[in-house]
Amino acid sequence: MHPKSRAGRRTIVLPAALAADLRAHRVAQQQEADAAGNLWRNDHGLVFTQLTGHPIDPSADHRAWKNLLKAAGVREARLHDARHTMASLLLAQKVHPRVVMEIMGHSQISLTLGTYSHVAPELSTDAADQMGATLWDRENDGRPQNDPDQEPGSA
């Protein structure tokens, strides 16, 4: 399967724990390949395969996803919904939208911001709070901060 756009083919930075898990998985997969011998077939260099290196059956993958959600006590959702959750969480954590765009593989920022606009009100409130903290002294009952170069009583 080819990416929909040039942005779809990209290098992404992974959390260190995930990178370590993937390296461990590679070691385990190599052991599976050794055990399978001549039966091993991973012609496409897949990361996740059956014990013989063949692609995972989509039905089995779907069942495993549903079981994972159930075990975690999470409501039923499509696997693709996890992608949306990740983008929403990144934006809610104040990750710059351009960075989220690149991680998601969107070709334009308008797609990222349009798709995840439900996060925007929370970010707008936070921006207003930050601007308020910058302009008004919280310890001064919300009145504008005095300019340190301005003489008291002058306007």
C-alpha atoms as a PDB file:
ATOM      1  CA  MET A   1       0.000   0.000   0.000  1.00  0.00           C
ATOM      2  CA  HIS A   2       1.408   3.380  -0.991  1.00  0.00           C
ATOM      3  CA  PRO A   3       0.964   6.585   1.033  1.00  0.00           C
ATOM      4  CA  LYS A   4      -1.740   9.003  -0.122  1.00  0.00           C
ATOM      5  CA  SER A   5       0.749  11.870  -0.303  1.00  0.00           C
ATOM      6  CA  ARG A   6       4.462  12.647   0.091  1.00  0.00           C
ATOM      7  CA  ALA A   7       3.722  13.572   3.714  1.00  0.00           C
ATOM      8  CA  GLY A   8       2.517  10.001   4.229  1.00  0.00           C
ATOM      9  CA  ARG A   9       6.041   8.651   3.791  1.00  0.00           C
ATOM     10  CA  ARG A  10       8.007  10.052   6.684  1.00  0.00           C
ATOM     11  CA  THR A  11      10.333   9.369   9.561  1.00  0.00           C
ATOM     12  CA  ILE A  12       8.780   9.875  12.971  1.00  0.00           C
ATOM     13  CA  VAL A  13      10.343  10.081  16.408  1.00  0.00           C
ATOM     14  CA  LEU A  14       9.102   7.406  18.793  1.00  0.00           C
ATOM     15  CA  PRO A  15       8.894   7.490  22.576  1.00  0.00           C
ATOM     16  CA  ALA A  16      11.994   5.732  23.974  1.00  0.00           C
ATOM     17  CA  ALA A  17       9.889   3.025  25.640  1.00  0.00           C
ATOM     18  CA  LEU A  18       8.135   2.191  22.356  1.00  0.00           C
ATOM     19  CA  ALA A  19      11.447   2.079  20.471  1.00  0.00           C
ATOM     20  CA  ALA A  20      12.796  -0.348  23.106  1.00  0.00           C
ATOM     21  CA  ASP A  21       9.674  -2.521  22.803  1.00  0.00           C
ATOM     22  CA  LEU A  22      10.026  -2.618  19.019  1.00  0.00           C
ATOM     23  CA  ARG A  23      13.688  -3.645  19.287  1.00  0.00           C
ATOM     24  CA  ALA A  24      12.698  -6.451  21.674  1.00  0.00           C
ATOM     25  CA  HIS A  25       9.949  -7.463  19.247  1.00  0.00           C
ATOM     26  CA  ARG A  26      12.505  -7.624  16.420  1.00  0.00           C
ATOM     27  CA  VAL A  27      14.632 -10.032  18.490  1.00  0.00           C
ATOM     28  CA  ALA A  28      11.579 -12.185  19.233  1.00  0.00           C
ATOM     29  CA  GLN A  29      10.571 -12.119  15.567  1.00  0.00           C
ATOM     30  CA  GLN A  30      14.028 -13.277  14.532  1.00  0.00           C
ATOM     31  CA  GLN A  31      13.667 -16.197  16.949  1.00  0.00           C
ATOM     32  CA  GLU A  32      10.304 -17.005  15.340  1.00  0.00           C
ATOM     33  CA  ALA A  33      11.949 -16.905  11.910  1.00  0.00           C
ATOM     34  CA  ASP A  34      14.703 -19.242  13.086  1.00  0.00           C
ATOM     35  CA  ALA A  35      12.121 -21.631  14.572  1.00  0.00           C
ATOM     36  CA  ALA A  36       9.969 -21.568  11.419  1.00  0.00           C
ATOM     37  CA  GLY A  37      12.937 -22.370   9.194  1.00  0.00           C
ATOM     38  CA  ASN A  38      11.908 -22.789   5.550  1.00  0.00           C
ATOM     39  CA  LEU A  39       8.289 -21.948   6.413  1.00  0.00           C
ATOM     40  CA  TRP A  40       9.230 -18.343   7.283  1.00  0.00           C
ATOM     41  CA  ARG A  41       7.923 -15.894   4.686  1.00  0.00           C
ATOM     42  CA  ASN A  42       8.145 -12.159   5.361  1.00  0.00           C
ATOM     43  CA  ASP A  43       8.585 -10.885   1.827  1.00  0.00           C
ATOM     44  CA  HIS A  44       7.472  -7.356   2.703  1.00  0.00           C
ATOM     45  CA  GLY A  45       9.546  -6.774   5.847  1.00  0.00           C
ATOM     46  CA  LEU A  46       6.460  -6.542   8.033  1.00  0.00           C
ATOM     47  CA  VAL A  47       6.928  -5.657  11.698  1.00  0.00           C
ATOM     48  CA  PHE A  48       3.984  -7.729  12.911  1.00  0.00           C
ATOM     49  CA  THR A  49       3.350 -11.123  11.353  1.00  0.00           C
ATOM     50  CA  GLN A  50       2.030 -14.580  12.017  1.00  0.00           C
ATOM     51  CA  LEU A  51       4.496 -17.097  13.504  1.00  0.00           C
ATOM     52  CA  THR A  52       5.544 -18.009   9.974  1.00  0.00           C
ATOM     53  CA  GLY A  53       6.200 -14.422   8.841  1.00  0.00           C
ATOM     54  CA  HIS A  54       3.036 -14.223   6.756  1.00  0.00           C
ATOM     55  CA  PRO A  55       0.827 -11.137   7.082  1.00  0.00           C
ATOM     56  CA  ILE A  56      -1.589 -11.157  10.009  1.00  0.00           C
ATOM     57  CA  ASP A  57      -5.124 -12.079   9.006  1.00  0.00           C
ATOM     58  CA  PRO A  58      -7.240  -8.876   9.204  1.00  0.00           C
ATOM     59  CA  SER A  59     -10.039 -10.720  11.044  1.00  0.00           C
ATOM     60  CA  ALA A  60      -7.609 -12.022  13.657  1.00  0.00           C
ATOM     61  CA  ASP A  61      -6.113  -8.555  14.014  1.00  0.00           C
ATOM     62  CA  HIS A  62      -9.591  -7.055  14.512  1.00  0.00           C
ATOM     63  CA  ARG A  63     -10.415  -9.671  17.170  1.00  0.00           C
ATOM     64  CA  ALA A  64      -7.129  -8.977  18.975  1.00  0.00           C
ATOM     65  CA  TRP A  65      -7.886  -5.225  18.943  1.00  0.00           C
ATOM     66  CA  LYS A  66     -11.379  -5.804  20.383  1.00  0.00           C
ATOM     67  CA  ASN A  67      -9.947  -8.094  23.076  1.00  0.00           C
ATOM     68  CA  LEU A  68      -7.333  -5.479  23.965  1.00  0.00           C
ATOM     69  CA  LEU A  69     -10.008  -2.801  24.365  1.00  0.00           C
ATOM     70  CA  LYS A  70     -12.120  -5.095  26.528  1.00  0.00           C
ATOM     71  CA  ALA A  71      -9.169  -6.070  28.733  1.00  0.00           C
ATOM     72  CA  ALA A  72      -8.291  -2.386  29.174  1.00  0.00           C
ATOM     73  CA  GLY A  73     -11.876  -1.500  30.068  1.00  0.00           C
ATOM     74  CA  VAL A  74     -12.150   0.860  27.099  1.00  0.00           C
ATOM     75  CA  ARG A  75     -15.327   1.224  25.052  1.00  0.00           C
ATOM     76  CA  GLU A  76     -15.421  -0.376  21.615  1.00  0.00           C
ATOM     77  CA  ALA A  77     -13.718   1.687  18.946  1.00  0.00           C
ATOM     78  CA  ARG A  78     -12.136   1.239  15.574  1.00  0.00           C
ATOM     79  CA  LEU A  79      -8.355   0.925  15.447  1.00  0.00           C
ATOM     80  CA  HIS A  80      -8.343   4.122  13.362  1.00  0.00           C
ATOM     81  CA  ASP A  81      -9.995   5.906  16.322  1.00  0.00           C
ATOM     82  CA  ALA A  82      -6.739   5.412  18.259  1.00  0.00           C
ATOM     83  CA  ARG A  83      -5.064   7.624  15.662  1.00  0.00           C
ATOM     84  CA  HIS A  84      -7.625  10.374  16.285  1.00  0.00           C
ATOM     85  CA  THR A  85      -7.193   9.986  20.029  1.00  0.00           C
ATOM     86  CA  MET A  86      -3.443  10.377  19.690  1.00  0.00           C
ATOM     87  CA  ALA A  87      -3.776  13.598  17.684  1.00  0.00           C
ATOM     88  CA  SER A  88      -6.337  15.033  20.113  1.00  0.00           C
ATOM     89  CA  LEU A  89      -4.146  14.199  23.105  1.00  0.00           C
ATOM     90  CA  LEU A  90      -1.074  15.767  21.496  1.00  0.00           C
ATOM     91  CA  LEU A  91      -2.970  18.984  20.783  1.00  0.00           C
ATOM     92  CA  ALA A  92      -4.478  19.018  24.286  1.00  0.00           C
ATOM     93  CA  GLN A  93      -0.938  18.682  25.659  1.00  0.00           C
ATOM     94  CA  LYS A  94      -0.069  21.838  23.720  1.00  0.00           C
ATOM     95  CA  VAL A  95       2.106  20.146  21.113  1.00  0.00           C
ATOM     96  CA  HIS A  96       2.406  22.611  18.236  1.00  0.00           C
ATOM     97  CA  PRO A  97      -0.168  21.829  15.507  1.00  0.00           C
ATOM     98  CA  ARG A  98       2.575  21.728  12.838  1.00  0.00           C
ATOM     99  CA  VAL A  99       4.303  18.930  14.776  1.00  0.00           C
ATOM    100  CA  VAL A 100       0.991  17.049  15.075  1.00  0.00           C
ATOM    101  CA  MET A 101       0.459  17.569  11.331  1.00  0.00           C
ATOM    102  CA  GLU A 102       3.841  16.003  10.579  1.00  0.00           C
ATOM    103  CA  ILE A 103       3.284  13.058  12.931  1.00  0.00           C
ATOM    104  CA  MET A 104      -0.135  12.416  11.391  1.00  0.00           C
ATOM    105  CA  GLY A 105       1.250  12.670   7.861  1.00  0.00           C
ATOM    106  CA  HIS A 106      -1.202  15.376   6.864  1.00  0.00           C
ATOM    107  CA  SER A 107      -0.097  17.363   3.835  1.00  0.00           C
ATOM    108  CA  GLN A 108      -1.672  20.609   5.069  1.00  0.00           C
ATOM    109  CA  ILE A 109      -2.107  22.194   8.500  1.00  0.00           C
ATOM    110  CA  SER A 110      -5.735  23.000   7.612  1.00  0.00           C
ATOM    111  CA  LEU A 111      -6.532  19.269   7.601  1.00  0.00           C
ATOM    112  CA  THR A 112      -5.069  18.797  11.077  1.00  0.00           C
ATOM    113  CA  LEU A 113      -6.725  21.874  12.554  1.00  0.00           C
ATOM    114  CA  GLY A 114     -10.028  21.212  10.800  1.00  0.00           C
ATOM    115  CA  THR A 115     -10.203  17.582  11.867  1.00  0.00           C
ATOM    116  CA  TYR A 116      -9.253  18.268  15.477  1.00  0.00           C
ATOM    117  CA  SER A 117     -10.994  21.614  15.934  1.00  0.00           C
ATOM    118  CA  HIS A 118     -12.843  20.218  18.977  1.00  0.00           C
ATOM    119  CA  VAL A 119      -9.549  20.646  20.873  1.00  0.00           C
ATOM    120  CA  ALA A 120      -9.291  24.320  19.849  1.00  0.00           C
ATOM    121  CA  PRO A 121     -11.611  25.795  22.557  1.00  0.00           C
ATOM    122  CA  GLU A 122      -9.449  24.260  25.290  1.00  0.00           C
ATOM    123  CA  LEU A 123      -6.317  25.642  23.636  1.00  0.00           C
ATOM    124  CA  SER A 124      -7.939  29.062  23.227  1.00  0.00           C
ATOM    125  CA  THR A 125      -8.822  29.181  26.918  1.00  0.00           C
ATOM    126  CA  ASP A 126      -5.269  28.253  27.807  1.00  0.00           C
ATOM    127  CA  ALA A 127      -3.914  30.932  25.457  1.00  0.00           C
ATOM    128  CA  ALA A 128      -6.182  33.546  27.066  1.00  0.00           C
ATOM    129  CA  ASP A 129      -5.023  32.451  30.533  1.00  0.00           C
ATOM    130  CA  GLN A 130      -1.378  32.722  29.506  1.00  0.00           C
ATOM    131  CA  MET A 131      -1.922  36.168  27.991  1.00  0.00           C
ATOM    132  CA  GLY A 132      -3.745  37.275  31.136  1.00  0.00           C
ATOM    133  CA  ALA A 133      -0.874  36.075  33.307  1.00  0.00           C
ATOM    134  CA  THR A 134       1.546  37.979  31.090  1.00  0.00           C
ATOM    135  CA  LEU A 135      -0.408  41.245  31.124  1.00  0.00           C
ATOM    136  CA  TRP A 136      -1.909  41.266  34.602  1.00  0.00           C
ATOM    137  CA  ASP A 137      -0.250  40.636  37.914  1.00  0.00           C
ATOM    138  CA  ARG A 138      -2.259  37.878  39.625  1.00  0.00           C
ATOM    139  CA  GLU A 139      -1.011  39.066  42.991  1.00  0.00           C
ATOM    140  CA  ASN A 140      -2.330  42.544  42.270  1.00  0.00           C
ATOM    141  CA  ASP A 141      -6.072  41.675  42.080  1.00  0.00           C
ATOM    142  CA  GLY A 142      -6.008  41.404  38.292  1.00  0.00           C
ATOM    143  CA  ARG A 143      -5.053  45.046  37.717  1.00  0.00           C
ATOM    144  CA  PRO A 144      -2.579  45.773  34.938  1.00  0.00           C
ATOM    145  CA  GLN A 145       1.047  45.457  35.972  1.00  0.00           C
ATOM    146  CA  ASN A 146       2.924  48.692  36.480  1.00  0.00           C
ATOM    147  CA  ASP A 147       5.603  49.516  33.965  1.00  0.00           C
ATOM    148  CA  PRO A 148       8.814  49.464  36.013  1.00  0.00           C
ATOM    149  CA  ASP A 149      10.097  52.463  34.021  1.00  0.00           C
ATOM    150  CA  GLN A 150       6.952  54.483  34.629  1.00  0.00           C
ATOM    151  CA  GLU A 151       6.792  56.816  37.633  1.00  0.00           C
ATOM    152  CA  PRO A 152       4.010  56.100  40.177  1.00  0.00           C
ATOM    153  CA  GLY A 153       0.868  58.126  39.531  1.00  0.00           C
ATOM    154  CA  SER A 154       1.715  58.948  35.898  1.00  0.00           C
ATOM    155  CA  ALA A 155      -0.288  57.615  32.993  1.00  0.00           C
END
